[in-house]
Amino acid sequence: MSPSLFRKPSSRGSVGLDIDGRYLAACEIAGGRIVRVASHDLPEGLVVDGEVRDKEGLAAALREFVRTTELARDVWLGVANQQIVVRLIELPPIEDDEEREAAIRFQASEAIAMPLEEAILDHQVIDNRVDDTGAERMRVVVVAARRSMVEEFVGAVKGAGLRPRGLDLDAFALVRVLARANGAGTETGTGGARVYCHLGGVTNLAIAAGSACLFTRTITSAWDEDGSADRLADEIRLSIDYYLAQPDSPPVEEVVLSGPGSRDDGLVDDLAAHLALPVAVAEPLPGLDPDGRAAHDPARFTVAAGLALGGQS
């Protein structure tokens, strides 16, 4: 399970709500399959670079979305912007929960360039391994999101009459879905890593080994502007270099594209030409939509589906 900023798991169906800067997408999953989807375009300027710019305007757009789609009121949300920091840290194994929590918080205060009193913090232990000296080490993914940014999102959603049941990172939702088609569940360290790059209102990049997300960042340059392939390739290379600087990072084997931008064949070809790595276009909803409920535009629903799956774990 990936870390989440808050979560109230459901044993029944769950609805993931992706508030992309260009559209709203909702996906309801029950019994491991999609039972309902809905999507509307979002007016420009309400969400910019993944952050709420007009809370009242977004609440109004969400109210209209709920009214026309009869969306369930309980939803699982995702965020992706520059106000989020994800770091991989290492500690000696600590059995006591309180001691481990204190040690992670202390190390996070040094690794994350954000005052922790202004952040919502979460973590997930991903594995234990032996380092070069023979000492056992525990690897932990730590997530920090600026509290004021989260409150803007939650406020807009509540203002539309919806009930946020959980808040996750879009990157974790993305990996949760797409790793299903690429060896999900494999242990970290037993194979290579993949770069997942979601091309939507925000370009969201995640690097994962199996189903464990080890690095993520958002890229502010749009994927559909002139020269975007060059800029995006440069950002992907920089992200891979930063990721590989972390100790014991599995090498990157492939770049996997998703989202509306992945349907741009020219962009896909240009990226493949710029990157010295295989570039593939993801199946947007692997194994989740046997009834074809999202067949009209499946690329819009990958993140929403991952948020819904997170609500059930």
C-alpha atoms as a PDB file:
ATOM      1  CA  MET A   1       0.000   0.000   0.000  1.00  0.00           C
ATOM      2  CA  SER A   2       1.245   3.465  -0.874  1.00  0.00           C
ATOM      3  CA  PRO A   3       1.288   6.192   1.751  1.00  0.00           C
ATOM      4  CA  SER A   4      -1.692   8.534   1.686  1.00  0.00           C
ATOM      5  CA  LEU A   5      -2.228  11.878   3.350  1.00  0.00           C
ATOM      6  CA  PHE A   6      -5.451  10.671   4.905  1.00  0.00           C
ATOM      7  CA  ARG A   7      -7.657   7.688   4.195  1.00  0.00           C
ATOM      8  CA  LYS A   8     -10.821   5.995   5.405  1.00  0.00           C
ATOM      9  CA  PRO A   9     -10.814   2.671   3.541  1.00  0.00           C
ATOM     10  CA  SER A  10     -14.067   1.270   2.193  1.00  0.00           C
ATOM     11  CA  SER A  11     -14.951  -2.396   1.835  1.00  0.00           C
ATOM     12  CA  ARG A  12     -17.617  -1.466  -0.725  1.00  0.00           C
ATOM     13  CA  GLY A  13     -17.381   0.473  -3.962  1.00  0.00           C
ATOM     14  CA  SER A  14     -15.303   3.643  -3.999  1.00  0.00           C
ATOM     15  CA  VAL A  15     -15.234   6.730  -6.236  1.00  0.00           C
ATOM     16  CA  GLY A  16     -11.962   8.334  -7.289  1.00  0.00           C
ATOM     17  CA  LEU A  17     -12.190  11.995  -8.318  1.00  0.00           C
ATOM     18  CA  ASP A  18      -9.377  13.402 -10.461  1.00  0.00           C
ATOM     19  CA  ILE A  19      -9.418  17.220 -10.469  1.00  0.00           C
ATOM     20  CA  ASP A  20      -7.192  17.752 -13.474  1.00  0.00           C
ATOM     21  CA  GLY A  21      -6.518  21.331 -14.543  1.00  0.00           C
ATOM     22  CA  ARG A  22      -8.398  20.695 -17.789  1.00  0.00           C
ATOM     23  CA  TYR A  23     -11.167  18.317 -16.754  1.00  0.00           C
ATOM     24  CA  LEU A  24     -12.906  16.461 -13.942  1.00  0.00           C
ATOM     25  CA  ALA A  25     -12.933  12.665 -14.085  1.00  0.00           C
ATOM     26  CA  ALA A  26     -14.703  10.323 -11.681  1.00  0.00           C
ATOM     27  CA  CYS A  27     -14.432   6.551 -11.607  1.00  0.00           C
ATOM     28  CA  GLU A  28     -16.355   4.157  -9.369  1.00  0.00           C
ATOM     29  CA  ILE A  29     -14.840   0.737  -8.749  1.00  0.00           C
ATOM     30  CA  ALA A  30     -16.454  -2.195  -6.988  1.00  0.00           C
ATOM     31  CA  GLY A  31     -15.265  -5.786  -6.939  1.00  0.00           C
ATOM     32  CA  GLY A  32     -12.087  -4.867  -8.787  1.00  0.00           C
ATOM     33  CA  ARG A  33     -13.865  -3.524 -11.865  1.00  0.00           C
ATOM     34  CA  ILE A  34     -15.182  -0.191 -13.084  1.00  0.00           C
ATOM     35  CA  VAL A  35     -18.922   0.173 -12.651  1.00  0.00           C
ATOM     36  CA  ARG A  36     -19.312   3.837 -13.584  1.00  0.00           C
ATOM     37  CA  VAL A  37     -17.362   6.767 -15.017  1.00  0.00           C
ATOM     38  CA  ALA A  38     -18.081  10.437 -15.704  1.00  0.00           C
ATOM     39  CA  SER A  39     -16.022  13.345 -17.007  1.00  0.00           C
ATOM     40  CA  HIS A  40     -16.559  17.036 -17.766  1.00  0.00           C
ATOM     41  CA  ASP A  41     -14.212  19.691 -19.097  1.00  0.00           C
ATOM     42  CA  LEU A  42     -13.117  22.179 -16.438  1.00  0.00           C
ATOM     43  CA  PRO A  43     -13.187  25.948 -17.095  1.00  0.00           C
ATOM     44  CA  GLU A  44      -9.744  27.451 -17.517  1.00  0.00           C
ATOM     45  CA  GLY A  45      -8.145  29.162 -14.530  1.00  0.00           C
ATOM     46  CA  LEU A  46      -9.825  27.271 -11.682  1.00  0.00           C
ATOM     47  CA  VAL A  47      -6.874  24.910 -11.194  1.00  0.00           C
ATOM     48  CA  VAL A  48      -3.448  26.054 -12.436  1.00  0.00           C
ATOM     49  CA  ASP A  49      -0.293  23.925 -12.267  1.00  0.00           C
ATOM     50  CA  GLY A  50      -2.199  21.496 -10.078  1.00  0.00           C
ATOM     51  CA  GLU A  51      -3.174  24.099  -7.447  1.00  0.00           C
ATOM     52  CA  VAL A  52      -6.573  25.640  -6.739  1.00  0.00           C
ATOM     53  CA  ARG A  53      -6.687  29.256  -7.925  1.00  0.00           C
ATOM     54  CA  ASP A  54     -10.449  29.851  -7.573  1.00  0.00           C
ATOM     55  CA  LYS A  55     -11.934  27.794  -4.750  1.00  0.00           C
ATOM     56  CA  GLU A  56     -15.488  29.094  -5.172  1.00  0.00           C
ATOM     57  CA  GLY A  57     -15.339  28.615  -8.940  1.00  0.00           C
ATOM     58  CA  LEU A  58     -14.067  25.060  -8.518  1.00  0.00           C
ATOM     59  CA  ALA A  59     -16.787  24.306  -5.955  1.00  0.00           C
ATOM     60  CA  ALA A  60     -19.400  25.577  -8.422  1.00  0.00           C
ATOM     61  CA  ALA A  61     -17.969  23.418 -11.220  1.00  0.00           C
ATOM     62  CA  LEU A  62     -17.973  20.385  -8.917  1.00  0.00           C
ATOM     63  CA  ARG A  63     -21.587  21.041  -7.875  1.00  0.00           C
ATOM     64  CA  GLU A  64     -22.640  21.083 -11.527  1.00  0.00           C
ATOM     65  CA  PHE A  65     -20.631  17.917 -12.151  1.00  0.00           C
ATOM     66  CA  VAL A  66     -22.359  16.172  -9.261  1.00  0.00           C
ATOM     67  CA  ARG A  67     -25.784  17.375 -10.395  1.00  0.00           C
ATOM     68  CA  THR A  68     -25.439  16.193 -13.976  1.00  0.00           C
ATOM     69  CA  THR A  69     -23.699  12.894 -13.220  1.00  0.00           C
ATOM     70  CA  GLU A  70     -25.427  11.962  -9.929  1.00  0.00           C
ATOM     71  CA  LEU A  71     -21.996  11.239  -8.503  1.00  0.00           C
ATOM     72  CA  ALA A  72     -21.777   9.531  -5.114  1.00  0.00           C
ATOM     73  CA  ARG A  73     -20.988  11.986  -2.325  1.00  0.00           C
ATOM     74  CA  ASP A  74     -18.069  10.058  -0.814  1.00  0.00           C
ATOM     75  CA  VAL A  75     -14.943  10.537  -2.949  1.00  0.00           C
ATOM     76  CA  TRP A  76     -11.212   9.832  -2.859  1.00  0.00           C
ATOM     77  CA  LEU A  77      -9.116  12.763  -4.054  1.00  0.00           C
ATOM     78  CA  GLY A  78      -5.654  13.149  -5.563  1.00  0.00           C
ATOM     79  CA  VAL A  79      -3.178  16.025  -5.775  1.00  0.00           C
ATOM     80  CA  ALA A  80      -0.169  16.728  -7.996  1.00  0.00           C
ATOM     81  CA  ASN A  81       1.735  20.002  -7.783  1.00  0.00           C
ATOM     82  CA  GLN A  82       4.896  21.726  -6.609  1.00  0.00           C
ATOM     83  CA  GLN A  83       3.637  21.881  -3.005  1.00  0.00           C
ATOM     84  CA  ILE A  84       4.306  18.167  -2.530  1.00  0.00           C
ATOM     85  CA  VAL A  85       7.636  16.584  -1.612  1.00  0.00           C
ATOM     86  CA  VAL A  86       8.415  12.862  -1.754  1.00  0.00           C
ATOM     87  CA  ARG A  87      11.699  11.560  -0.353  1.00  0.00           C
ATOM     88  CA  LEU A  88      13.218   8.117   0.132  1.00  0.00           C
ATOM     89  CA  ILE A  89      15.040   7.854   3.453  1.00  0.00           C
ATOM     90  CA  GLU A  90      16.899   5.057   5.224  1.00  0.00           C
ATOM     91  CA  LEU A  91      16.875   4.169   8.910  1.00  0.00           C
ATOM     92  CA  PRO A  92      17.917   1.248  11.097  1.00  0.00           C
ATOM     93  CA  PRO A  93      14.949  -1.110  11.587  1.00  0.00           C
ATOM     94  CA  ILE A  94      12.774   0.115  14.471  1.00  0.00           C
ATOM     95  CA  GLU A  95      10.075  -2.207  15.844  1.00  0.00           C
ATOM     96  CA  ASP A  96       8.317   0.194  18.197  1.00  0.00           C
ATOM     97  CA  ASP A  97       5.700   2.211  16.272  1.00  0.00           C
ATOM     98  CA  GLU A  98       6.099   5.416  18.274  1.00  0.00           C
ATOM     99  CA  GLU A  99       9.900   5.321  18.122  1.00  0.00           C
ATOM    100  CA  ARG A 100       9.798   4.635  14.384  1.00  0.00           C
ATOM    101  CA  GLU A 101       7.349   7.512  13.839  1.00  0.00           C
ATOM    102  CA  ALA A 102       9.584   9.904  15.791  1.00  0.00           C
ATOM    103  CA  ALA A 103      12.724   8.805  13.920  1.00  0.00           C
ATOM    104  CA  ILE A 104      11.029   9.221  10.528  1.00  0.00           C
ATOM    105  CA  ARG A 105       9.726  12.647  11.455  1.00  0.00           C
ATOM    106  CA  PHE A 106      13.159  13.745  12.630  1.00  0.00           C
ATOM    107  CA  GLN A 107      14.891  12.600   9.459  1.00  0.00           C
ATOM    108  CA  ALA A 108      12.098  14.039   7.313  1.00  0.00           C
ATOM    109  CA  SER A 109      12.705  17.453   8.873  1.00  0.00           C
ATOM    110  CA  GLU A 110      16.224  17.343   7.428  1.00  0.00           C
ATOM    111  CA  ALA A 111      15.336  15.788   4.053  1.00  0.00           C
ATOM    112  CA  ILE A 112      12.286  17.911   3.207  1.00  0.00           C
ATOM    113  CA  ALA A 113      12.629  21.627   2.492  1.00  0.00           C
ATOM    114  CA  MET A 114       9.289  22.499   4.086  1.00  0.00           C
ATOM    115  CA  PRO A 115       8.525  23.366   7.713  1.00  0.00           C
ATOM    116  CA  LEU A 116       6.798  20.256   9.033  1.00  0.00           C
ATOM    117  CA  GLU A 117       4.346  22.351  11.061  1.00  0.00           C
ATOM    118  CA  GLU A 118       3.053  23.626   7.693  1.00  0.00           C
ATOM    119  CA  ALA A 119       2.807  20.148   6.180  1.00  0.00           C
ATOM    120  CA  ILE A 120       0.697  17.025   6.257  1.00  0.00           C
ATOM    121  CA  LEU A 121       3.146  14.141   6.573  1.00  0.00           C
ATOM    122  CA  ASP A 122       2.775  10.448   5.800  1.00  0.00           C
ATOM    123  CA  HIS A 123       5.135   7.550   5.191  1.00  0.00           C
ATOM    124  CA  GLN A 124       5.349   3.931   4.092  1.00  0.00           C
ATOM    125  CA  VAL A 125       8.080   1.383   4.829  1.00  0.00           C
ATOM    126  CA  ILE A 126       8.861  -0.226   1.455  1.00  0.00           C
ATOM    127  CA  ASP A 127      11.558  -2.765   2.337  1.00  0.00           C
ATOM    128  CA  ASN A 128      14.441  -3.805   4.557  1.00  0.00           C
ATOM    129  CA  ARG A 129      17.868  -4.526   3.121  1.00  0.00           C
ATOM    130  CA  VAL A 130      21.495  -5.028   4.112  1.00  0.00           C
ATOM    131  CA  ASP A 131      23.902  -2.228   3.147  1.00  0.00           C
ATOM    132  CA  ASP A 132      27.545  -2.503   2.065  1.00  0.00           C
ATOM    133  CA  THR A 133      28.724  -2.636   5.678  1.00  0.00           C
ATOM    134  CA  GLY A 134      26.445  -5.562   6.514  1.00  0.00           C
ATOM    135  CA  ALA A 135      24.037  -3.426   8.561  1.00  0.00           C
ATOM    136  CA  GLU A 136      20.297  -3.865   8.084  1.00  0.00           C
ATOM    137  CA  ARG A 137      18.509  -0.739   6.844  1.00  0.00           C
ATOM    138  CA  MET A 138      14.845   0.146   6.488  1.00  0.00           C
ATOM    139  CA  ARG A 139      13.818   2.176   3.422  1.00  0.00           C
ATOM    140  CA  VAL A 140      10.892   4.535   3.877  1.00  0.00           C
ATOM    141  CA  VAL A 141       9.005   6.706   1.392  1.00  0.00           C
ATOM    142  CA  VAL A 142       8.047   9.981   3.100  1.00  0.00           C
ATOM    143  CA  VAL A 143       5.390  12.320   1.678  1.00  0.00           C
ATOM    144  CA  ALA A 144       4.868  15.927   2.746  1.00  0.00           C
ATOM    145  CA  ALA A 145       2.124  18.167   1.317  1.00  0.00           C
ATOM    146  CA  ARG A 146       1.706  21.808   2.219  1.00  0.00           C
ATOM    147  CA  ARG A 147      -1.324  22.024   4.490  1.00  0.00           C
ATOM    148  CA  SER A 148      -2.708  25.248   2.986  1.00  0.00           C
ATOM    149  CA  MET A 149      -2.743  23.686  -0.506  1.00  0.00           C
ATOM    150  CA  VAL A 150      -4.573  20.603   0.745  1.00  0.00           C
ATOM    151  CA  GLU A 151      -7.110  22.744   2.591  1.00  0.00           C
ATOM    152  CA  GLU A 152      -7.948  24.627  -0.627  1.00  0.00           C
ATOM    153  CA  PHE A 153      -8.721  21.365  -2.426  1.00  0.00           C
ATOM    154  CA  VAL A 154     -10.695  19.897   0.448  1.00  0.00           C
ATOM    155  CA  GLY A 155     -12.575  23.178   0.942  1.00  0.00           C
ATOM    156  CA  ALA A 156     -13.665  23.295  -2.702  1.00  0.00           C
ATOM    157  CA  VAL A 157     -14.773  19.661  -2.624  1.00  0.00           C
ATOM    158  CA  LYS A 158     -16.738  20.113   0.600  1.00  0.00           C
ATOM    159  CA  GLY A 159     -18.209  23.325  -0.819  1.00  0.00           C
ATOM    160  CA  ALA A 160     -19.716  21.209  -3.603  1.00  0.00           C
ATOM    161  CA  GLY A 161     -21.439  18.973  -1.062  1.00  0.00           C
ATOM    162  CA  LEU A 162     -18.998  16.101  -1.457  1.00  0.00           C
ATOM    163  CA  ARG A 163     -17.358  14.191   1.388  1.00  0.00           C
ATOM    164  CA  PRO A 164     -13.596  13.591   0.972  1.00  0.00           C
ATOM    165  CA  ARG A 165     -12.838  10.125   2.299  1.00  0.00           C
ATOM    166  CA  GLY A 166      -9.152  10.144   1.447  1.00  0.00           C
ATOM    167  CA  LEU A 167      -6.393  12.177  -0.132  1.00  0.00           C
ATOM    168  CA  ASP A 168      -3.631  10.562  -2.147  1.00  0.00           C
ATOM    169  CA  LEU A 169      -0.938  11.606  -4.587  1.00  0.00           C
ATOM    170  CA  ASP A 170      -1.890  11.330  -8.258  1.00  0.00           C
ATOM    171  CA  ALA A 171       1.510   9.685  -8.806  1.00  0.00           C
ATOM    172  CA  PHE A 172       0.687   6.860  -6.404  1.00  0.00           C
ATOM    173  CA  ALA A 173      -2.722   6.402  -8.031  1.00  0.00           C
ATOM    174  CA  LEU A 174      -1.050   6.271 -11.443  1.00  0.00           C
ATOM    175  CA  VAL A 175       1.421   3.573 -10.377  1.00  0.00           C
ATOM    176  CA  ARG A 176      -1.350   1.657  -8.614  1.00  0.00           C
ATOM    177  CA  VAL A 177      -3.155   1.228 -11.944  1.00  0.00           C
ATOM    178  CA  LEU A 178      -0.375   0.989 -14.513  1.00  0.00           C
ATOM    179  CA  ALA A 179       1.917  -1.332 -12.559  1.00  0.00           C
ATOM    180  CA  ARG A 180      -0.880  -3.922 -12.842  1.00  0.00           C
ATOM    181  CA  ALA A 181       0.188  -4.433 -16.453  1.00  0.00           C
ATOM    182  CA  ASN A 182       3.916  -4.330 -15.643  1.00  0.00           C
ATOM    183  CA  GLY A 183       4.587  -6.831 -12.881  1.00  0.00           C
ATOM    184  CA  ALA A 184       2.703  -5.244  -9.997  1.00  0.00           C
ATOM    185  CA  GLY A 185       3.469  -6.733  -6.649  1.00  0.00           C
ATOM    186  CA  THR A 186       7.080  -7.598  -7.468  1.00  0.00           C
ATOM    187  CA  GLU A 187       9.473  -6.815  -4.668  1.00  0.00           C
ATOM    188  CA  THR A 188      11.586  -3.712  -5.006  1.00  0.00           C
ATOM    189  CA  GLY A 189      15.147  -4.551  -5.911  1.00  0.00           C
ATOM    190  CA  THR A 190      14.252  -7.669  -7.951  1.00  0.00           C
ATOM    191  CA  GLY A 191      14.087  -5.871 -11.294  1.00  0.00           C
ATOM    192  CA  GLY A 192      14.356  -2.543 -13.031  1.00  0.00           C
ATOM    193  CA  ALA A 193      12.277   0.568 -12.552  1.00  0.00           C
ATOM    194  CA  ARG A 194       9.849   2.322 -14.893  1.00  0.00           C
ATOM    195  CA  VAL A 195       9.152   5.979 -15.474  1.00  0.00           C
ATOM    196  CA  TYR A 196       5.404   6.619 -15.602  1.00  0.00           C
ATOM    197  CA  CYS A 197       4.614   9.969 -17.209  1.00  0.00           C
ATOM    198  CA  HIS A 198       0.982  11.115 -17.170  1.00  0.00           C
ATOM    199  CA  LEU A 199       0.216  13.865 -19.682  1.00  0.00           C
ATOM    200  CA  GLY A 200      -2.827  15.777 -18.513  1.00  0.00           C
ATOM    201  CA  GLY A 201      -3.498  19.280 -17.213  1.00  0.00           C
ATOM    202  CA  VAL A 202      -0.284  18.736 -15.250  1.00  0.00           C
ATOM    203  CA  THR A 203       2.511  16.488 -16.474  1.00  0.00           C
ATOM    204  CA  ASN A 204       3.010  14.090 -13.591  1.00  0.00           C
ATOM    205  CA  LEU A 205       6.074  11.847 -13.424  1.00  0.00           C
ATOM    206  CA  ALA A 206       6.589   8.841 -11.159  1.00  0.00           C
ATOM    207  CA  ILE A 207       9.436   6.336 -11.033  1.00  0.00           C
ATOM    208  CA  ALA A 208       8.497   2.978  -9.570  1.00  0.00           C
ATOM    209  CA  ALA A 209      10.000  -0.448  -9.008  1.00  0.00           C
ATOM    210  CA  GLY A 210       7.135  -2.905  -9.168  1.00  0.00           C
ATOM    211  CA  SER A 211       4.257  -1.215  -7.370  1.00  0.00           C
ATOM    212  CA  ALA A 212       6.482   0.918  -5.096  1.00  0.00           C
ATOM    213  CA  CYS A 213       6.748   4.572  -6.138  1.00  0.00           C
ATOM    214  CA  LEU A 214      10.294   5.705  -5.300  1.00  0.00           C
ATOM    215  CA  PHE A 215      10.306   9.176  -6.848  1.00  0.00           C
ATOM    216  CA  THR A 216       7.755  11.650  -8.175  1.00  0.00           C
ATOM    217  CA  ARG A 217       7.555  15.232  -9.386  1.00  0.00           C
ATOM    218  CA  THR A 218       5.319  17.433 -11.490  1.00  0.00           C
ATOM    219  CA  ILE A 219       6.551  19.138 -14.659  1.00  0.00           C
ATOM    220  CA  THR A 220       5.068  22.564 -15.300  1.00  0.00           C
ATOM    221  CA  SER A 221       5.737  22.781 -19.053  1.00  0.00           C
ATOM    222  CA  ALA A 222       2.711  21.736 -21.139  1.00  0.00           C
ATOM    223  CA  TRP A 223       2.963  18.659 -23.339  1.00  0.00           C
ATOM    224  CA  ASP A 224       0.971  20.172 -26.232  1.00  0.00           C
ATOM    225  CA  GLU A 225       3.028  23.288 -27.011  1.00  0.00           C
ATOM    226  CA  ASP A 226       5.634  23.788 -29.745  1.00  0.00           C
ATOM    227  CA  GLY A 227       8.907  22.156 -28.765  1.00  0.00           C
ATOM    228  CA  SER A 228       7.280  20.249 -25.909  1.00  0.00           C
ATOM    229  CA  ALA A 229       8.967  16.949 -26.793  1.00  0.00           C
ATOM    230  CA  ASP A 230      12.437  18.468 -26.339  1.00  0.00           C
ATOM    231  CA  ARG A 231      11.537  20.046 -22.999  1.00  0.00           C
ATOM    232  CA  LEU A 232       9.740  16.969 -21.725  1.00  0.00           C
ATOM    233  CA  ALA A 233      12.639  14.691 -22.688  1.00  0.00           C
ATOM    234  CA  ASP A 234      15.047  16.984 -20.814  1.00  0.00           C
ATOM    235  CA  GLU A 235      12.814  16.928 -17.704  1.00  0.00           C
ATOM    236  CA  ILE A 236      12.529  13.151 -17.821  1.00  0.00           C
ATOM    237  CA  ARG A 237      16.310  12.774 -18.092  1.00  0.00           C
ATOM    238  CA  LEU A 238      16.867  15.167 -15.171  1.00  0.00           C
ATOM    239  CA  SER A 239      14.341  13.244 -13.078  1.00  0.00           C
ATOM    240  CA  ILE A 240      16.018   9.931 -13.848  1.00  0.00           C
ATOM    241  CA  ASP A 241      19.428  11.363 -12.928  1.00  0.00           C
ATOM    242  CA  TYR A 242      18.085  12.646  -9.595  1.00  0.00           C
ATOM    243  CA  TYR A 243      16.384   9.315  -8.879  1.00  0.00           C
ATOM    244  CA  LEU A 244      19.520   7.308  -9.710  1.00  0.00           C
ATOM    245  CA  ALA A 245      21.522   9.417  -7.244  1.00  0.00           C
ATOM    246  CA  GLN A 246      19.540   7.742  -4.448  1.00  0.00           C
ATOM    247  CA  PRO A 247      21.329   4.717  -2.950  1.00  0.00           C
ATOM    248  CA  ASP A 248      20.453   1.269  -4.348  1.00  0.00           C
ATOM    249  CA  SER A 249      18.081   2.636  -6.986  1.00  0.00           C
ATOM    250  CA  PRO A 250      17.113   0.001  -9.587  1.00  0.00           C
ATOM    251  CA  PRO A 251      18.032   1.132 -13.112  1.00  0.00           C
ATOM    252  CA  VAL A 252      15.278   2.561 -15.317  1.00  0.00           C
ATOM    253  CA  GLU A 253      14.203   0.156 -18.067  1.00  0.00           C
ATOM    254  CA  GLU A 254      11.330   1.954 -19.774  1.00  0.00           C
ATOM    255  CA  VAL A 255       9.256   5.123 -20.019  1.00  0.00           C
ATOM    256  CA  VAL A 256       5.480   4.561 -19.982  1.00  0.00           C
ATOM    257  CA  LEU A 257       3.165   7.358 -21.135  1.00  0.00           C
ATOM    258  CA  SER A 258      -0.462   7.802 -20.088  1.00  0.00           C
ATOM    259  CA  GLY A 259      -3.168  10.454 -20.039  1.00  0.00           C
ATOM    260  CA  PRO A 260      -4.686  12.455 -22.913  1.00  0.00           C
ATOM    261  CA  GLY A 261      -1.261  13.431 -24.245  1.00  0.00           C
ATOM    262  CA  SER A 262      -0.326   9.782 -24.800  1.00  0.00           C
ATOM    263  CA  ARG A 263      -2.733   9.766 -27.767  1.00  0.00           C
ATOM    264  CA  ASP A 264      -0.462  12.242 -29.595  1.00  0.00           C
ATOM    265  CA  ASP A 265       1.491   9.867 -31.836  1.00  0.00           C
ATOM    266  CA  GLY A 266       3.878  12.606 -32.927  1.00  0.00           C
ATOM    267  CA  LEU A 267       4.789  13.432 -29.342  1.00  0.00           C
ATOM    268  CA  VAL A 268       5.311   9.765 -28.516  1.00  0.00           C
ATOM    269  CA  ASP A 269       7.588   9.285 -31.515  1.00  0.00           C
ATOM    270  CA  ASP A 270       9.568  12.447 -30.723  1.00  0.00           C
ATOM    271  CA  LEU A 271      10.101  11.378 -27.115  1.00  0.00           C
ATOM    272  CA  ALA A 272      11.274   7.951 -28.229  1.00  0.00           C
ATOM    273  CA  ALA A 273      13.771   9.648 -30.538  1.00  0.00           C
ATOM    274  CA  HIS A 274      15.085  11.922 -27.757  1.00  0.00           C
ATOM    275  CA  LEU A 275      15.349   9.384 -24.941  1.00  0.00           C
ATOM    276  CA  ALA A 276      17.826   6.517 -24.972  1.00  0.00           C
ATOM    277  CA  LEU A 277      15.129   4.288 -23.494  1.00  0.00           C
ATOM    278  CA  PRO A 278      12.133   2.352 -24.810  1.00  0.00           C
ATOM    279  CA  VAL A 279       8.946   4.487 -24.745  1.00  0.00           C
ATOM    280  CA  ALA A 280       5.558   2.777 -24.508  1.00  0.00           C
ATOM    281  CA  VAL A 281       1.963   3.977 -24.345  1.00  0.00           C
ATOM    282  CA  ALA A 282       0.129   2.483 -21.375  1.00  0.00           C
ATOM    283  CA  GLU A 283      -3.103   0.566 -21.516  1.00  0.00           C
ATOM    284  CA  PRO A 284      -5.103   3.153 -19.523  1.00  0.00           C
ATOM    285  CA  LEU A 285      -7.200   0.778 -17.396  1.00  0.00           C
ATOM    286  CA  PRO A 286      -5.547  -2.664 -17.441  1.00  0.00           C
ATOM    287  CA  GLY A 287      -7.981  -5.339 -16.324  1.00  0.00           C
ATOM    288  CA  LEU A 288     -10.351  -2.819 -14.746  1.00  0.00           C
ATOM    289  CA  ASP A 289     -12.877  -2.143 -17.496  1.00  0.00           C
ATOM    290  CA  PRO A 290     -14.052  -5.414 -19.057  1.00  0.00           C
ATOM    291  CA  ASP A 291     -17.447  -3.878 -19.791  1.00  0.00           C
ATOM    292  CA  GLY A 292     -15.986  -0.919 -21.687  1.00  0.00           C
ATOM    293  CA  ARG A 293     -17.652   1.735 -19.535  1.00  0.00           C
ATOM    294  CA  ALA A 294     -14.762   4.146 -20.163  1.00  0.00           C
ATOM    295  CA  ALA A 295     -14.185   3.067 -23.769  1.00  0.00           C
ATOM    296  CA  HIS A 296     -15.127   6.517 -25.131  1.00  0.00           C
ATOM    297  CA  ASP A 297     -12.045   8.150 -23.552  1.00  0.00           C
ATOM    298  CA  PRO A 298     -10.159   5.749 -21.247  1.00  0.00           C
ATOM    299  CA  ALA A 299      -7.026   7.938 -20.998  1.00  0.00           C
ATOM    300  CA  ARG A 300      -8.985  10.424 -18.874  1.00  0.00           C
ATOM    301  CA  PHE A 301      -9.721   7.887 -16.158  1.00  0.00           C
ATOM    302  CA  THR A 302      -6.373   6.308 -15.224  1.00  0.00           C
ATOM    303  CA  VAL A 303      -5.706   8.529 -12.196  1.00  0.00           C
ATOM    304  CA  ALA A 304      -9.348   8.481 -11.049  1.00  0.00           C
ATOM    305  CA  ALA A 305      -9.306   4.672 -11.186  1.00  0.00           C
ATOM    306  CA  GLY A 306      -6.113   4.568  -9.122  1.00  0.00           C
ATOM    307  CA  LEU A 307      -7.659   6.861  -6.504  1.00  0.00           C
ATOM    308  CA  ALA A 308     -10.709   4.595  -6.321  1.00  0.00           C
ATOM    309  CA  LEU A 309      -8.504   1.529  -5.891  1.00  0.00           C
ATOM    310  CA  GLY A 310      -6.642   3.312  -3.108  1.00  0.00           C
ATOM    311  CA  GLY A 311      -9.941   3.860  -1.341  1.00  0.00           C
ATOM    312  CA  GLN A 312     -10.397   0.090  -1.107  1.00  0.00           C
ATOM    313  CA  SER A 313      -6.930  -0.802   0.219  1.00  0.00           C
END
